[in-house]
Protein backbone atom coordinates (compact mmCIF):
# COMPACT_ATOMS: atom_id res chain seq x y z
CA MET A 1 -109.50 -97.18 93.82
CA GLU A 2 -111.19 -95.31 96.66
CA LYS A 3 -111.62 -91.64 95.82
CA LYS A 4 -109.94 -90.42 99.03
CA TYR A 5 -106.64 -91.99 97.91
CA GLN A 6 -106.90 -90.80 94.31
CA GLN A 7 -105.42 -87.83 92.45
CA GLN A 8 -107.82 -85.28 91.02
CA PRO A 9 -107.38 -84.95 87.23
CA ILE A 10 -105.40 -81.74 86.69
CA ASN A 11 -102.93 -81.46 83.80
CA LEU A 12 -99.65 -80.66 85.53
CA VAL A 13 -96.07 -81.88 85.44
CA LYS A 14 -96.15 -83.87 88.67
CA VAL A 15 -92.78 -84.34 90.33
CA VAL A 16 -92.22 -86.31 93.52
CA LEU A 17 -89.20 -86.25 95.81
CA PHE A 18 -88.53 -89.87 96.67
CA GLY A 19 -86.06 -91.53 98.99
CA PRO A 20 -85.16 -92.37 102.58
CA GLU A 21 -85.44 -90.02 105.53
CA SER A 22 -82.94 -87.21 105.99
CA THR A 23 -81.92 -86.98 102.33
CA GLY A 24 -82.94 -83.37 101.68
CA LYS A 25 -86.36 -83.91 100.10
CA THR A 26 -88.13 -81.05 101.87
CA THR A 27 -85.31 -78.57 101.26
CA LEU A 28 -85.24 -79.38 97.55
CA SER A 29 -89.06 -79.33 97.33
CA LYS A 30 -89.16 -75.78 98.62
CA LYS A 31 -86.36 -74.66 96.28
CA LEU A 32 -88.09 -76.16 93.25
CA ALA A 33 -91.45 -74.66 94.15
CA LYS A 34 -89.82 -71.25 94.47
CA TYR A 35 -87.95 -71.68 91.17
CA TYR A 36 -91.14 -72.56 89.27
CA ASN A 37 -93.35 -70.13 91.20
CA THR A 38 -95.67 -72.98 92.06
CA SER A 39 -97.09 -74.87 95.02
CA TRP A 40 -95.49 -77.80 96.79
CA VAL A 41 -97.03 -80.61 98.82
CA PRO A 42 -95.57 -81.15 102.30
CA GLU A 43 -95.29 -84.55 103.97
CA TYR A 44 -98.51 -85.19 105.89
CA ALA A 45 -96.97 -88.08 107.84
CA ARG A 46 -94.45 -85.83 109.55
CA GLU A 47 -97.06 -83.63 111.23
CA PHE A 48 -99.37 -86.59 111.89
CA LEU A 49 -96.66 -88.71 113.54
CA GLN A 50 -95.08 -85.81 115.42
CA ASN A 51 -98.48 -85.05 116.98
CA LYS A 52 -98.86 -88.73 117.86
CA TRP A 53 -95.42 -88.75 119.48
CA ASN A 54 -96.19 -85.59 121.43
CA ARG A 55 -99.47 -87.07 122.71
CA GLU A 56 -98.52 -90.68 123.32
CA GLN A 57 -94.74 -91.07 122.83
CA LYS A 58 -95.57 -93.68 120.19
CA VAL A 59 -94.14 -94.09 116.70
CA CYS A 60 -95.93 -95.10 113.51
CA GLU A 61 -98.16 -98.20 113.62
CA LYS A 62 -99.86 -100.15 110.83
CA THR A 63 -103.20 -98.54 111.64
CA ASP A 64 -101.72 -95.09 110.94
CA LEU A 65 -100.90 -95.80 107.30
CA LEU A 66 -104.33 -95.35 105.70
CA PRO A 67 -105.06 -92.11 107.60
CA ILE A 68 -101.63 -90.88 106.48
CA ALA A 69 -102.38 -91.84 102.88
CA GLU A 70 -105.73 -90.05 102.98
CA GLY A 71 -104.18 -86.94 104.52
CA GLN A 72 -101.38 -86.92 101.95
CA MET A 73 -103.79 -87.02 99.03
CA LYS A 74 -105.90 -84.23 100.50
CA LEU A 75 -102.79 -82.05 100.65
CA GLU A 76 -101.76 -83.01 97.11
CA ASN A 77 -105.16 -82.37 95.55
CA LYS A 78 -105.48 -79.03 97.33
CA ALA A 79 -102.00 -77.91 96.24
CA ALA A 80 -102.68 -78.97 92.63
CA LYS A 81 -105.44 -76.36 92.36
CA SER A 82 -103.00 -73.55 93.13
CA ALA A 83 -100.10 -74.92 91.05
CA ASN A 84 -98.40 -73.25 88.11
CA LYS A 85 -97.77 -75.95 85.46
CA VAL A 86 -95.61 -77.97 87.88
CA LEU A 87 -96.58 -79.64 91.15
CA ILE A 88 -93.75 -80.51 93.54
CA CYS A 89 -94.56 -83.31 95.99
CA ASP A 90 -92.34 -83.83 99.02
CA THR A 91 -93.54 -87.45 99.10
CA ASN A 92 -96.31 -89.68 97.75
CA LEU A 93 -98.14 -92.92 98.50
CA LEU A 94 -95.48 -95.05 96.81
CA GLU A 95 -93.07 -93.79 99.47
CA THR A 96 -95.59 -94.76 102.15
CA LYS A 97 -95.79 -98.22 100.56
CA VAL A 98 -92.01 -98.64 100.77
CA TYR A 99 -91.98 -97.70 104.45
CA SER A 100 -94.86 -100.08 105.12
CA GLU A 101 -92.97 -102.95 103.48
CA GLU A 102 -89.71 -102.16 105.25
CA TYR A 103 -91.13 -101.64 108.74
CA TYR A 104 -93.91 -104.24 108.78
CA ASN A 105 -92.30 -107.31 107.21
CA GLY A 106 -93.63 -106.76 103.71
CA PHE A 107 -97.16 -105.78 104.77
CA VAL A 108 -99.03 -103.20 102.66
CA ASP A 109 -102.74 -102.54 103.01
CA PRO A 110 -104.40 -103.38 99.65
CA LYS A 111 -106.01 -99.92 99.47
CA LEU A 112 -102.64 -98.23 99.94
CA ASN A 113 -100.99 -100.59 97.47
CA GLU A 114 -103.58 -99.90 94.75
CA ALA A 115 -103.35 -96.12 95.10
CA ALA A 116 -99.55 -96.14 95.34
CA LEU A 117 -99.24 -98.00 92.05
CA ASN A 118 -101.99 -96.23 90.11
CA ASN A 119 -101.56 -92.55 90.98
CA PHE A 120 -99.38 -91.01 88.27
CA TYR A 121 -96.26 -88.83 88.46
CA ASP A 122 -94.17 -87.63 85.53
CA LEU A 123 -90.87 -87.82 87.38
CA TYR A 124 -89.39 -89.19 90.58
CA LEU A 125 -86.35 -87.38 91.99
CA LEU A 126 -84.52 -90.10 93.96
CA THR A 127 -82.53 -88.33 96.68
CA TYR A 128 -79.22 -89.91 97.61
CA ILE A 129 -77.77 -90.46 101.10
CA ASP A 130 -74.74 -88.20 100.56
CA ILE A 131 -75.88 -85.49 103.00
CA PRO A 132 -75.45 -85.69 106.79
CA TRP A 133 -78.02 -87.52 108.88
CA GLU A 134 -80.15 -85.21 111.04
CA ALA A 135 -81.78 -86.89 114.03
CA ASP A 136 -85.26 -86.10 115.36
CA ASN A 137 -88.09 -87.86 117.24
CA LEU A 138 -89.27 -89.73 114.15
CA ARG A 139 -86.10 -90.77 112.33
CA ASP A 140 -84.74 -94.09 113.52
CA ARG A 141 -82.45 -95.79 110.99
CA PRO A 142 -79.16 -93.86 110.84
CA ASN A 143 -77.21 -97.10 110.40
CA GLN A 144 -79.39 -98.49 107.62
CA ARG A 145 -79.24 -95.64 105.13
CA GLN A 146 -77.82 -97.70 102.26
CA GLU A 147 -80.34 -100.49 102.83
CA MET A 148 -83.24 -98.03 102.84
CA PHE A 149 -81.94 -96.22 99.76
CA GLU A 150 -81.78 -99.50 97.88
CA ALA A 151 -85.35 -100.32 98.90
CA PHE A 152 -86.54 -97.05 97.37
CA GLU A 153 -84.54 -97.43 94.17
CA ASN A 154 -85.56 -101.08 93.75
CA THR A 155 -89.22 -100.06 94.04
CA LEU A 156 -88.83 -97.51 91.24
CA LYS A 157 -87.15 -100.12 89.07
CA LYS A 158 -89.68 -102.83 89.88
CA TYR A 159 -92.65 -100.69 88.86
CA LYS A 160 -90.83 -98.98 85.98
CA LYS A 161 -91.31 -95.47 87.35
CA PRO A 162 -89.47 -92.62 85.57
CA TYR A 163 -86.70 -91.43 87.90
CA VAL A 164 -83.38 -89.66 88.08
CA LEU A 165 -80.80 -89.91 90.85
CA ILE A 166 -80.26 -86.61 92.65
CA LYS A 167 -77.04 -86.15 94.64
CA GLY A 168 -74.36 -83.63 95.54
CA SER A 169 -74.74 -80.10 96.88
CA LEU A 170 -78.10 -78.33 96.98
CA ASP A 171 -77.11 -76.26 93.94
CA MET A 172 -76.18 -79.42 92.03
CA ARG A 173 -79.43 -81.09 93.04
CA LEU A 174 -81.49 -78.08 91.99
CA LYS A 175 -79.70 -77.74 88.65
CA LYS A 176 -80.17 -81.39 87.70
CA SER A 177 -83.81 -81.40 88.82
CA VAL A 178 -84.59 -78.29 86.78
CA GLU A 179 -82.92 -79.79 83.72
CA TYR A 180 -85.27 -82.78 83.75
CA ILE A 181 -88.41 -80.87 84.77
CA ASP A 182 -87.90 -78.29 82.01
CA LYS A 183 -87.89 -81.08 79.42
CA LEU A 184 -91.23 -82.34 80.72
CA ILE A 185 -92.76 -78.85 80.64
CA ILE A 186 -91.80 -78.55 76.97
CA GLU A 187 -93.19 -82.00 76.13
CA LYS A 188 -96.62 -81.58 77.75
CA ILE A 189 -99.27 -79.29 76.25
CA ASN A 190 -102.08 -77.25 77.79
CA LEU A 191 -100.63 -77.38 81.27
CA TYR A 192 -102.88 -76.04 84.02
CA SER A 193 -101.81 -72.83 85.71
CA SER A 194 -103.69 -71.16 88.54
CA LYS A 195 -101.64 -68.03 87.79
CA GLU A 196 -103.15 -67.77 84.30
CA GLU A 197 -106.64 -68.45 85.69
CA ASN A 198 -106.23 -65.54 88.06
CA ILE A 199 -105.17 -63.25 85.22
CA LEU A 200 -108.22 -64.25 83.16
CA GLU A 201 -110.53 -63.64 86.11
CA LYS A 202 -109.22 -60.10 86.52
């Protein structure tokens, strides 16, 4: 795997919000990061594609996917260094792979495919489509929400990724997420914490 698409080895509980657009991933990411006093990884594609739209009035193209993947991993690896035992990822390369397959007739660049399947996450929080659709310049499938949700869930099943379905109100989503993340924190030993590093340095 090319290094620019690869996770740096830091012992954290790595959690990724996973699911179709407009299902509350960013909102829940921020809430979880605040709850665990840790860093979260935003979605690189959103800024990248919004800038492209503003410049050219064009949406995502195949040639954008590898730059998006590289940018996403830069954000993730940077955030990992400032994390506190848990790293919350708004998205990951497996999500990019799903979008590539759905939008480009099954096409996935081999470099993206390799990284998407080999980068490791302890838990996927699969966000359900039970919250209202919010339109913007980049979202374009309001009438295919169930189809897209099934594509994401089927991918998790196909590759045997550890996941839990997250639905309901924000409070319900947060509570269920915390329940599963807390179990992982207990199970893993010697978790990295930038907070503890800072204390030792002082």
